[in-house]
């Protein structure tokens, strides 16, 4: 009989420990969720303004090269080189605003996926997957900047030209 009493105590201690761990996990997760809902402290430094100008210019260039590619005015390899170059330029920038900093990696990925799509097309592969990824990244950047636009514009860094 003494063995069954010890097993009951072990089971009770295990359940009590599990309950404590569960409650602690819920408390930590709740605190993190509330922290994620805090307002970002937006900035508008000279680096942020420069970043917005460079991104705007790079997007215009991407549009130019894409149109040239569609009309067979340029070889695909040139467009790949340009897209990779634009990705490198964006990657070298260091905006201070948290939303702009987050957009940097998304834009870098977008340009690189666009280049991969063209490479796949050159080699007769499926360009759909990297092109789809490029579009999803572009949409993520749009959503991110649209959410930050009022606060950024109020500080003097309006990303509206990138939202068109």
N, C-alpha and C. Protein backbone atom coordinates (compact mmCIF):
# COMPACT_ATOMS: atom_id res chain seq x y z
N UNK A 1 0.80 -1.18 0.00
CA UNK A 1 0.00 0.00 0.00
C UNK A 1 0.85 1.27 0.00
N UNK A 2 1.96 1.20 0.61
CA UNK A 2 2.81 2.35 0.71
C UNK A 2 3.29 2.81 -0.68
N UNK A 3 3.46 1.90 -1.64
CA UNK A 3 3.89 2.23 -2.99
C UNK A 3 2.82 3.04 -3.70
N UNK A 4 1.54 2.68 -3.58
CA UNK A 4 0.48 3.40 -4.26
C UNK A 4 0.32 4.82 -3.73
N UNK A 5 0.59 5.05 -2.47
CA UNK A 5 0.52 6.39 -1.91
C UNK A 5 1.63 7.26 -2.52
N UNK A 6 2.81 6.72 -2.70
CA UNK A 6 3.91 7.47 -3.29
C UNK A 6 3.61 7.80 -4.76
N UNK A 7 3.00 6.89 -5.49
CA UNK A 7 2.63 7.15 -6.89
C UNK A 7 1.60 8.26 -6.97
N UNK A 8 0.64 8.25 -6.04
CA UNK A 8 -0.37 9.31 -6.03
C UNK A 8 0.28 10.67 -5.78
N UNK A 9 1.22 10.70 -4.88
CA UNK A 9 1.91 11.94 -4.58
C UNK A 9 2.72 12.41 -5.79
N UNK A 10 3.35 11.45 -6.47
CA UNK A 10 4.12 11.78 -7.67
C UNK A 10 3.22 12.34 -8.76
N UNK A 11 2.08 11.70 -8.96
CA UNK A 11 1.12 12.19 -9.96
C UNK A 11 0.61 13.58 -9.59
N UNK A 12 0.28 13.79 -8.32
CA UNK A 12 -0.21 15.09 -7.86
C UNK A 12 0.86 16.16 -8.04
N UNK A 13 2.10 15.85 -7.72
CA UNK A 13 3.18 16.81 -7.87
C UNK A 13 3.41 17.13 -9.34
N UNK A 14 3.32 16.11 -10.21
CA UNK A 14 3.50 16.32 -11.64
C UNK A 14 2.40 17.21 -12.19
N UNK A 15 1.16 16.95 -11.81
CA UNK A 15 0.05 17.78 -12.28
C UNK A 15 0.17 19.22 -11.78
N UNK A 16 0.58 19.38 -10.54
CA UNK A 16 0.75 20.73 -9.99
C UNK A 16 1.86 21.46 -10.73
N UNK A 17 2.95 20.79 -11.01
CA UNK A 17 4.06 21.41 -11.75
C UNK A 17 3.62 21.78 -13.16
N UNK A 18 2.89 20.89 -13.81
CA UNK A 18 2.40 21.16 -15.16
C UNK A 18 1.49 22.39 -15.17
N UNK A 19 0.64 22.50 -14.15
CA UNK A 19 -0.26 23.64 -14.06
C UNK A 19 0.52 24.94 -13.89
N UNK A 20 1.56 24.92 -13.06
CA UNK A 20 2.38 26.11 -12.86
C UNK A 20 3.08 26.51 -14.15
N UNK A 21 3.63 25.53 -14.86
CA UNK A 21 4.31 25.82 -16.13
C UNK A 21 3.31 26.37 -17.14
N UNK A 22 2.11 25.81 -17.21
CA UNK A 22 1.08 26.28 -18.14
C UNK A 22 0.69 27.72 -17.84
N UNK A 23 0.44 28.02 -16.57
CA UNK A 23 0.05 29.38 -16.20
C UNK A 23 1.18 30.36 -16.51
N UNK A 24 2.41 29.98 -16.23
CA UNK A 24 3.55 30.86 -16.52
C UNK A 24 3.67 31.09 -18.02
N UNK A 25 3.47 30.05 -18.82
CA UNK A 25 3.55 30.19 -20.29
C UNK A 25 2.48 31.14 -20.81
N UNK A 26 1.27 31.01 -20.30
CA UNK A 26 0.18 31.89 -20.72
C UNK A 26 0.50 33.33 -20.34
N UNK A 27 1.04 33.54 -19.15
CA UNK A 27 1.37 34.89 -18.70
C UNK A 27 2.45 35.51 -19.58
N UNK A 28 3.48 34.75 -19.91
CA UNK A 28 4.56 35.26 -20.76
C UNK A 28 4.04 35.56 -22.16
N UNK A 29 3.24 34.64 -22.72
CA UNK A 29 2.69 34.85 -24.07
C UNK A 29 1.79 36.08 -24.10
N UNK A 30 1.01 36.28 -23.06
CA UNK A 30 0.12 37.44 -23.01
C UNK A 30 0.93 38.73 -22.94
N UNK A 31 1.99 38.73 -22.17
CA UNK A 31 2.83 39.92 -22.06
C UNK A 31 3.49 40.24 -23.39
N UNK A 32 3.94 39.21 -24.10
CA UNK A 32 4.55 39.43 -25.41
C UNK A 32 3.54 39.95 -26.41
N UNK A 33 2.32 39.43 -26.37
CA UNK A 33 1.28 39.88 -27.30
C UNK A 33 0.96 41.35 -27.04
N UNK A 34 0.89 41.74 -25.77
CA UNK A 34 0.61 43.14 -25.46
C UNK A 34 1.77 44.03 -25.88
N UNK A 35 2.99 43.53 -25.73
CA UNK A 35 4.16 44.31 -26.15
C UNK A 35 4.15 44.52 -27.66
N UNK A 36 3.68 43.52 -28.41
CA UNK A 36 3.61 43.63 -29.86
C UNK A 36 2.57 44.64 -30.32
N UNK A 37 1.62 44.97 -29.45
CA UNK A 37 0.57 45.92 -29.82
C UNK A 37 0.96 47.37 -29.52
N UNK A 38 2.10 47.56 -28.86
CA UNK A 38 2.55 48.91 -28.56
C UNK A 38 2.81 49.68 -29.85
N UNK A 39 2.63 50.98 -29.79
CA UNK A 39 2.89 51.83 -30.93
C UNK A 39 4.39 51.92 -31.18
N UNK A 40 4.77 51.88 -32.44
CA UNK A 40 6.17 52.05 -32.80
C UNK A 40 6.54 53.51 -32.68
N UNK A 41 7.76 53.75 -32.28
CA UNK A 41 8.27 55.11 -32.23
C UNK A 41 8.90 55.40 -33.59
N UNK A 42 8.14 56.08 -34.44
CA UNK A 42 8.64 56.38 -35.79
C UNK A 42 9.63 57.53 -35.74
N UNK A 43 10.54 57.50 -36.70
CA UNK A 43 11.54 58.55 -36.83
C UNK A 43 11.49 59.08 -38.26
N UNK A 44 12.19 60.15 -38.48
CA UNK A 44 12.34 60.67 -39.84
C UNK A 44 13.72 61.32 -39.92
N UNK A 45 14.72 60.48 -39.87
CA UNK A 45 16.10 60.97 -39.91
C UNK A 45 16.50 61.24 -41.36
N UNK A 46 17.66 61.82 -41.53
CA UNK A 46 18.19 62.04 -42.88
C UNK A 46 18.36 60.70 -43.60
N UNK A 47 18.75 59.66 -42.85
CA UNK A 47 18.88 58.32 -43.44
C UNK A 47 17.53 57.79 -43.92
N UNK A 48 16.47 58.08 -43.16
CA UNK A 48 15.14 57.64 -43.55
C UNK A 48 14.69 58.33 -44.84
N UNK A 49 14.94 59.64 -44.92
CA UNK A 49 14.57 60.39 -46.13
C UNK A 49 15.35 59.89 -47.34
N UNK A 50 16.64 59.65 -47.15
CA UNK A 50 17.47 59.13 -48.23
C UNK A 50 16.98 57.74 -48.65
N UNK A 51 16.64 56.92 -47.69
CA UNK A 51 16.14 55.57 -47.98
C UNK A 51 14.88 55.63 -48.83
N UNK A 52 13.94 56.49 -48.46
CA UNK A 52 12.70 56.61 -49.24
C UNK A 52 12.97 57.08 -50.66
N UNK A 53 13.92 58.00 -50.84
CA UNK A 53 14.27 58.47 -52.18
C UNK A 53 14.91 57.35 -53.01
N UNK A 54 15.80 56.61 -52.40
CA UNK A 54 16.49 55.54 -53.11
C UNK A 54 15.51 54.42 -53.48
N UNK A 55 14.64 54.06 -52.56
CA UNK A 55 13.66 53.01 -52.85
C UNK A 55 12.73 53.46 -53.97
N UNK A 56 12.30 54.70 -53.93
CA UNK A 56 11.43 55.23 -54.98
C UNK A 56 12.14 55.17 -56.33
N UNK A 57 13.38 55.58 -56.37
CA UNK A 57 14.17 55.54 -57.60
C UNK A 57 14.35 54.10 -58.09
N UNK A 58 14.66 53.18 -57.17
CA UNK A 58 14.86 51.78 -57.55
C UNK A 58 13.57 51.15 -58.08
N UNK A 59 12.45 51.53 -57.51
CA UNK A 59 11.17 50.99 -58.00
C UNK A 59 10.88 51.50 -59.41
N UNK A 60 11.20 52.77 -59.66
CA UNK A 60 11.03 53.31 -61.01
C UNK A 60 11.94 52.59 -62.00
N UNK A 61 13.18 52.35 -61.59
CA UNK A 61 14.12 51.64 -62.45
C UNK A 61 13.64 50.22 -62.73
N UNK A 62 13.12 49.56 -61.70
CA UNK A 62 12.59 48.20 -61.91
C UNK A 62 11.45 48.23 -62.92
N UNK A 63 10.59 49.22 -62.82
CA UNK A 63 9.50 49.35 -63.79
C UNK A 63 10.03 49.57 -65.20
N UNK A 64 11.05 50.41 -65.33
CA UNK A 64 11.65 50.66 -66.64
C UNK A 64 12.24 49.37 -67.22
N UNK A 65 13.04 48.67 -66.42
CA UNK A 65 13.68 47.45 -66.91
C UNK A 65 12.66 46.36 -67.21
N UNK A 66 11.62 46.28 -66.41
CA UNK A 66 10.56 45.29 -66.66
C UNK A 66 9.85 45.56 -67.98
N UNK A 67 9.52 46.85 -68.21
CA UNK A 67 8.89 47.22 -69.48
C UNK A 67 9.81 46.93 -70.66
N UNK A 68 11.08 47.26 -70.49
CA UNK A 68 12.05 47.01 -71.56
C UNK A 68 12.16 45.52 -71.86
N UNK A 69 12.09 44.71 -70.82
CA UNK A 69 12.16 43.26 -71.00
C UNK A 69 10.92 42.74 -71.74
N UNK A 70 9.76 43.24 -71.36
CA UNK A 70 8.51 42.81 -72.01
C UNK A 70 8.51 43.17 -73.49
N UNK A 71 9.08 44.33 -73.83
CA UNK A 71 9.10 44.78 -75.23
C UNK A 71 10.34 44.33 -75.98
N UNK A 72 11.10 43.43 -75.38
CA UNK A 72 12.33 42.88 -75.99
C UNK A 72 13.34 43.97 -76.37
N UNK A 73 13.38 45.04 -75.59
CA UNK A 73 14.34 46.12 -75.82
C UNK A 73 15.65 45.89 -75.07
N UNK A 74 15.67 44.88 -74.21
CA UNK A 74 16.86 44.60 -73.40
C UNK A 74 16.96 43.09 -73.20
N UNK A 75 18.18 42.63 -73.05
CA UNK A 75 18.40 41.20 -72.81
C UNK A 75 18.08 40.88 -71.35
N UNK A 76 17.53 39.72 -71.09
CA UNK A 76 17.16 39.35 -69.71
C UNK A 76 18.32 39.43 -68.73
N UNK A 77 19.53 39.09 -69.17
CA UNK A 77 20.69 39.14 -68.27
C UNK A 77 20.95 40.53 -67.73
N UNK A 78 20.67 41.55 -68.53
CA UNK A 78 20.85 42.93 -68.09
C UNK A 78 19.86 43.25 -66.97
N UNK A 79 18.64 42.78 -67.12
CA UNK A 79 17.61 43.04 -66.11
C UNK A 79 17.95 42.31 -64.82
N UNK A 80 18.48 41.10 -64.93
CA UNK A 80 18.90 40.35 -63.74
C UNK A 80 19.99 41.13 -63.01
N UNK A 81 20.96 41.61 -63.77
CA UNK A 81 22.07 42.38 -63.18
C UNK A 81 21.54 43.63 -62.48
N UNK A 82 20.61 44.34 -63.12
CA UNK A 82 20.05 45.55 -62.53
C UNK A 82 19.26 45.24 -61.26
N UNK A 83 18.46 44.19 -61.29
CA UNK A 83 17.67 43.84 -60.10
C UNK A 83 18.58 43.48 -58.93
N UNK A 84 19.63 42.74 -59.21
CA UNK A 84 20.58 42.39 -58.14
C UNK A 84 21.31 43.62 -57.63
N UNK A 85 21.64 44.53 -58.53
CA UNK A 85 22.31 45.77 -58.13
C UNK A 85 21.39 46.61 -57.24
N UNK A 86 20.14 46.72 -57.62
CA UNK A 86 19.18 47.48 -56.82
C UNK A 86 18.97 46.84 -55.45
N UNK A 87 18.97 45.51 -55.40
CA UNK A 87 18.86 44.80 -54.12
C UNK A 87 20.05 45.13 -53.23
N UNK A 88 21.24 45.15 -53.82
CA UNK A 88 22.45 45.45 -53.05
C UNK A 88 22.43 46.89 -52.52
N UNK A 89 21.94 47.81 -53.33
CA UNK A 89 21.87 49.21 -52.88
C UNK A 89 20.92 49.33 -51.70
N UNK A 90 19.77 48.72 -51.80
CA UNK A 90 18.80 48.78 -50.69
C UNK A 90 19.37 48.10 -49.45
N UNK A 91 20.06 46.99 -49.64
CA UNK A 91 20.63 46.27 -48.51
C UNK A 91 21.71 47.09 -47.82
N UNK A 92 22.37 47.98 -48.53
CA UNK A 92 23.44 48.79 -47.95
C UNK A 92 22.91 49.97 -47.14
N UNK A 93 21.64 50.26 -47.27
CA UNK A 93 21.04 51.40 -46.57
C UNK A 93 20.73 51.00 -45.13
N UNK A 94 20.62 52.00 -44.26
CA UNK A 94 20.37 51.74 -42.85
C UNK A 94 19.37 52.74 -42.28
N UNK A 95 18.09 52.61 -42.67
CA UNK A 95 17.10 53.55 -42.13
C UNK A 95 16.93 53.36 -40.62
N UNK A 96 16.61 54.44 -39.93
CA UNK A 96 16.45 54.37 -38.48
C UNK A 96 15.02 54.06 -38.06
N UNK A 97 14.05 54.38 -38.89
CA UNK A 97 12.66 54.10 -38.56
C UNK A 97 12.43 52.60 -38.56
N UNK A 98 11.73 52.06 -37.56
CA UNK A 98 11.53 50.61 -37.49
C UNK A 98 10.75 50.04 -38.68
N UNK A 99 9.77 50.75 -39.18
CA UNK A 99 9.01 50.25 -40.33
C UNK A 99 9.86 50.26 -41.59
N UNK A 100 10.62 51.32 -41.77
CA UNK A 100 11.49 51.38 -42.94
C UNK A 100 12.60 50.33 -42.86
N UNK A 101 13.12 50.11 -41.65
CA UNK A 101 14.15 49.09 -41.47
C UNK A 101 13.59 47.71 -41.80
N UNK A 102 12.36 47.46 -41.40
CA UNK A 102 11.73 46.17 -41.72
C UNK A 102 11.48 46.05 -43.22
N UNK A 103 11.12 47.13 -43.86
CA UNK A 103 10.85 47.09 -45.30
C UNK A 103 12.12 46.79 -46.10
N UNK A 104 13.25 47.15 -45.54
CA UNK A 104 14.53 46.96 -46.24
C UNK A 104 14.76 45.50 -46.61
N UNK A 105 14.61 44.60 -45.66
CA UNK A 105 14.85 43.18 -45.97
C UNK A 105 13.79 42.64 -46.92
N UNK A 106 12.56 43.12 -46.79
CA UNK A 106 11.50 42.68 -47.69
C UNK A 106 11.78 43.13 -49.12
N UNK A 107 12.21 44.38 -49.27
CA UNK A 107 12.52 44.89 -50.61
C UNK A 107 13.73 44.19 -51.21
N UNK A 108 14.73 43.94 -50.40
CA UNK A 108 15.90 43.21 -50.88
C UNK A 108 15.46 41.85 -51.42
N UNK A 109 14.64 41.16 -50.65
CA UNK A 109 14.13 39.86 -51.09
C UNK A 109 13.29 39.95 -52.35
N UNK A 110 12.50 41.01 -52.45
CA UNK A 110 11.66 41.19 -53.64
C UNK A 110 12.51 41.32 -54.89
N UNK A 111 13.54 42.17 -54.83
CA UNK A 111 14.41 42.35 -56.00
C UNK A 111 15.14 41.04 -56.34
N UNK A 112 15.59 40.33 -55.33
CA UNK A 112 16.31 39.08 -55.58
C UNK A 112 15.38 38.00 -56.16
N UNK A 113 14.16 37.94 -55.68
CA UNK A 113 13.21 36.96 -56.23
C UNK A 113 12.83 37.32 -57.67
N UNK A 114 12.74 38.60 -57.96
CA UNK A 114 12.46 39.03 -59.32
C UNK A 114 13.60 38.59 -60.24
N UNK A 115 14.84 38.78 -59.78
CA UNK A 115 16.01 38.34 -60.56
C UNK A 115 15.98 36.82 -60.76
N UNK A 116 15.62 36.08 -59.72
CA UNK A 116 15.53 34.62 -59.84
C UNK A 116 14.47 34.19 -60.84
N UNK A 117 13.37 34.92 -60.87
CA UNK A 117 12.30 34.61 -61.83
C UNK A 117 12.80 34.78 -63.26
N UNK A 118 13.55 35.83 -63.50
CA UNK A 118 14.07 36.06 -64.85
C UNK A 118 15.11 35.00 -65.20
N UNK A 119 15.96 34.64 -64.25
CA UNK A 119 16.94 33.57 -64.49
C UNK A 119 16.22 32.26 -64.83
N UNK A 120 15.16 31.96 -64.10
CA UNK A 120 14.39 30.75 -64.39
C UNK A 120 13.81 30.81 -65.80
N UNK A 121 13.31 31.97 -66.17
CA UNK A 121 12.75 32.14 -67.52
C UNK A 121 13.82 31.97 -68.60
N UNK A 122 15.00 32.51 -68.34
CA UNK A 122 16.11 32.39 -69.30
C UNK A 122 16.44 30.93 -69.55
N UNK A 123 16.42 30.15 -68.49
CA UNK A 123 16.81 28.74 -68.58
C UNK A 123 15.64 27.80 -68.82
N UNK A 124 14.51 28.35 -69.19
CA UNK A 124 13.34 27.53 -69.51
C UNK A 124 12.66 26.92 -68.30
N UNK A 125 12.95 27.43 -67.12
CA UNK A 125 12.33 26.91 -65.90
C UNK A 125 11.04 27.62 -65.57
N UNK A 126 10.52 27.32 -64.42
CA UNK A 126 9.26 27.91 -63.95
C UNK A 126 9.56 29.21 -63.20
N UNK A 127 9.23 30.32 -63.81
CA UNK A 127 9.45 31.63 -63.19
C UNK A 127 8.32 31.99 -62.23
N UNK A 128 7.26 31.21 -62.23
CA UNK A 128 6.08 31.55 -61.43
C UNK A 128 6.32 31.60 -59.94
N UNK A 129 7.07 30.64 -59.41
CA UNK A 129 7.29 30.60 -57.96
C UNK A 129 8.08 31.81 -57.47
N UNK A 130 9.26 32.12 -58.04
CA UNK A 130 9.96 33.31 -57.55
C UNK A 130 9.22 34.61 -57.85
N UNK A 131 8.50 34.66 -58.97
CA UNK A 131 7.74 35.87 -59.28
C UNK A 131 6.60 36.04 -58.28
N UNK A 132 5.95 34.94 -57.94
CA UNK A 132 4.89 35.00 -56.92
C UNK A 132 5.44 35.46 -55.58
N UNK A 133 6.61 34.98 -55.22
CA UNK A 133 7.25 35.40 -53.98
C UNK A 133 7.59 36.88 -54.03
N UNK A 134 8.08 37.35 -55.17
CA UNK A 134 8.39 38.78 -55.33
C UNK A 134 7.14 39.62 -55.14
N UNK A 135 6.01 39.18 -55.71
CA UNK A 135 4.76 39.92 -55.55
C UNK A 135 4.28 39.91 -54.10
N UNK A 136 4.42 38.76 -53.43
CA UNK A 136 4.00 38.70 -52.02
C UNK A 136 4.86 39.64 -51.16
N UNK A 137 6.15 39.66 -51.43
CA UNK A 137 7.03 40.57 -50.69
C UNK A 137 6.67 42.03 -50.97
N UNK A 138 6.38 42.34 -52.23
CA UNK A 138 5.96 43.71 -52.57
C UNK A 138 4.67 44.08 -51.85
N UNK A 139 3.74 43.15 -51.77
CA UNK A 139 2.49 43.42 -51.05
C UNK A 139 2.74 43.62 -49.56
N UNK A 140 3.67 42.85 -49.00
CA UNK A 140 4.01 43.02 -47.58
C UNK A 140 4.61 44.40 -47.32
N UNK A 141 5.48 44.83 -48.22
CA UNK A 141 6.07 46.17 -48.09
C UNK A 141 4.97 47.23 -48.17
N UNK A 142 4.06 47.07 -49.12
CA UNK A 142 2.96 48.02 -49.27
C UNK A 142 2.14 48.10 -47.99
N UNK A 143 1.77 46.94 -47.45
CA UNK A 143 0.96 46.92 -46.23
C UNK A 143 1.70 47.55 -45.06
N UNK A 144 2.97 47.24 -44.94
CA UNK A 144 3.80 47.79 -43.86
C UNK A 144 3.87 49.31 -43.95
N UNK A 145 4.16 49.82 -45.15
CA UNK A 145 4.29 51.27 -45.32
C UNK A 145 2.95 51.98 -45.24
N UNK A 146 1.89 51.33 -45.70
CA UNK A 146 0.56 51.95 -45.60
C UNK A 146 0.16 52.12 -44.14
N UNK A 147 0.49 51.15 -43.31
CA UNK A 147 0.17 51.25 -41.88
C UNK A 147 1.01 52.34 -41.21
N UNK A 148 2.25 52.50 -41.64
CA UNK A 148 3.14 53.48 -41.03
C UNK A 148 3.01 54.87 -41.65
N UNK A 149 2.33 54.98 -42.77
CA UNK A 149 2.27 56.23 -43.54
C UNK A 149 1.82 57.44 -42.72
N UNK A 150 0.73 57.37 -41.97
CA UNK A 150 0.31 58.58 -41.25
C UNK A 150 1.38 59.08 -40.27
N UNK A 151 1.97 58.17 -39.52
CA UNK A 151 2.97 58.58 -38.53
C UNK A 151 4.25 59.07 -39.22
N UNK A 152 4.65 58.40 -40.29
CA UNK A 152 5.85 58.83 -41.01
C UNK A 152 5.63 60.19 -41.67
N UNK A 153 4.47 60.36 -42.29
CA UNK A 153 4.16 61.62 -42.96
C UNK A 153 4.13 62.78 -41.96
N UNK A 154 3.60 62.52 -40.77
CA UNK A 154 3.53 63.56 -39.75
C UNK A 154 4.93 64.00 -39.32
N UNK A 155 5.91 63.14 -39.48
CA UNK A 155 7.28 63.47 -39.10
C UNK A 155 8.10 64.00 -40.28
N UNK A 156 7.53 63.97 -41.49
CA UNK A 156 8.22 64.51 -42.66
C UNK A 156 8.78 63.47 -43.61
N UNK A 157 8.44 62.22 -43.40
CA UNK A 157 8.90 61.13 -44.27
C UNK A 157 7.68 60.41 -44.85
N UNK A 158 7.09 60.97 -45.85
CA UNK A 158 5.87 60.41 -46.40
C UNK A 158 6.19 59.33 -47.44
N UNK A 159 5.82 58.06 -47.16
CA UNK A 159 6.06 56.99 -48.12
C UNK A 159 4.98 56.86 -49.19
N UNK A 160 4.07 57.83 -49.27
CA UNK A 160 2.95 57.74 -50.23
C UNK A 160 3.37 57.45 -51.67
N UNK A 161 4.46 58.04 -52.17
CA UNK A 161 4.84 57.72 -53.55
C UNK A 161 5.11 56.22 -53.77
N UNK A 162 5.50 55.53 -52.73
CA UNK A 162 5.76 54.09 -52.86
C UNK A 162 4.48 53.26 -52.77
N UNK A 163 3.39 53.87 -52.39
CA UNK A 163 2.14 53.14 -52.20
C UNK A 163 1.26 53.15 -53.44
N UNK A 164 1.74 53.78 -54.52
CA UNK A 164 0.94 53.85 -55.75
C UNK A 164 1.07 52.59 -56.56
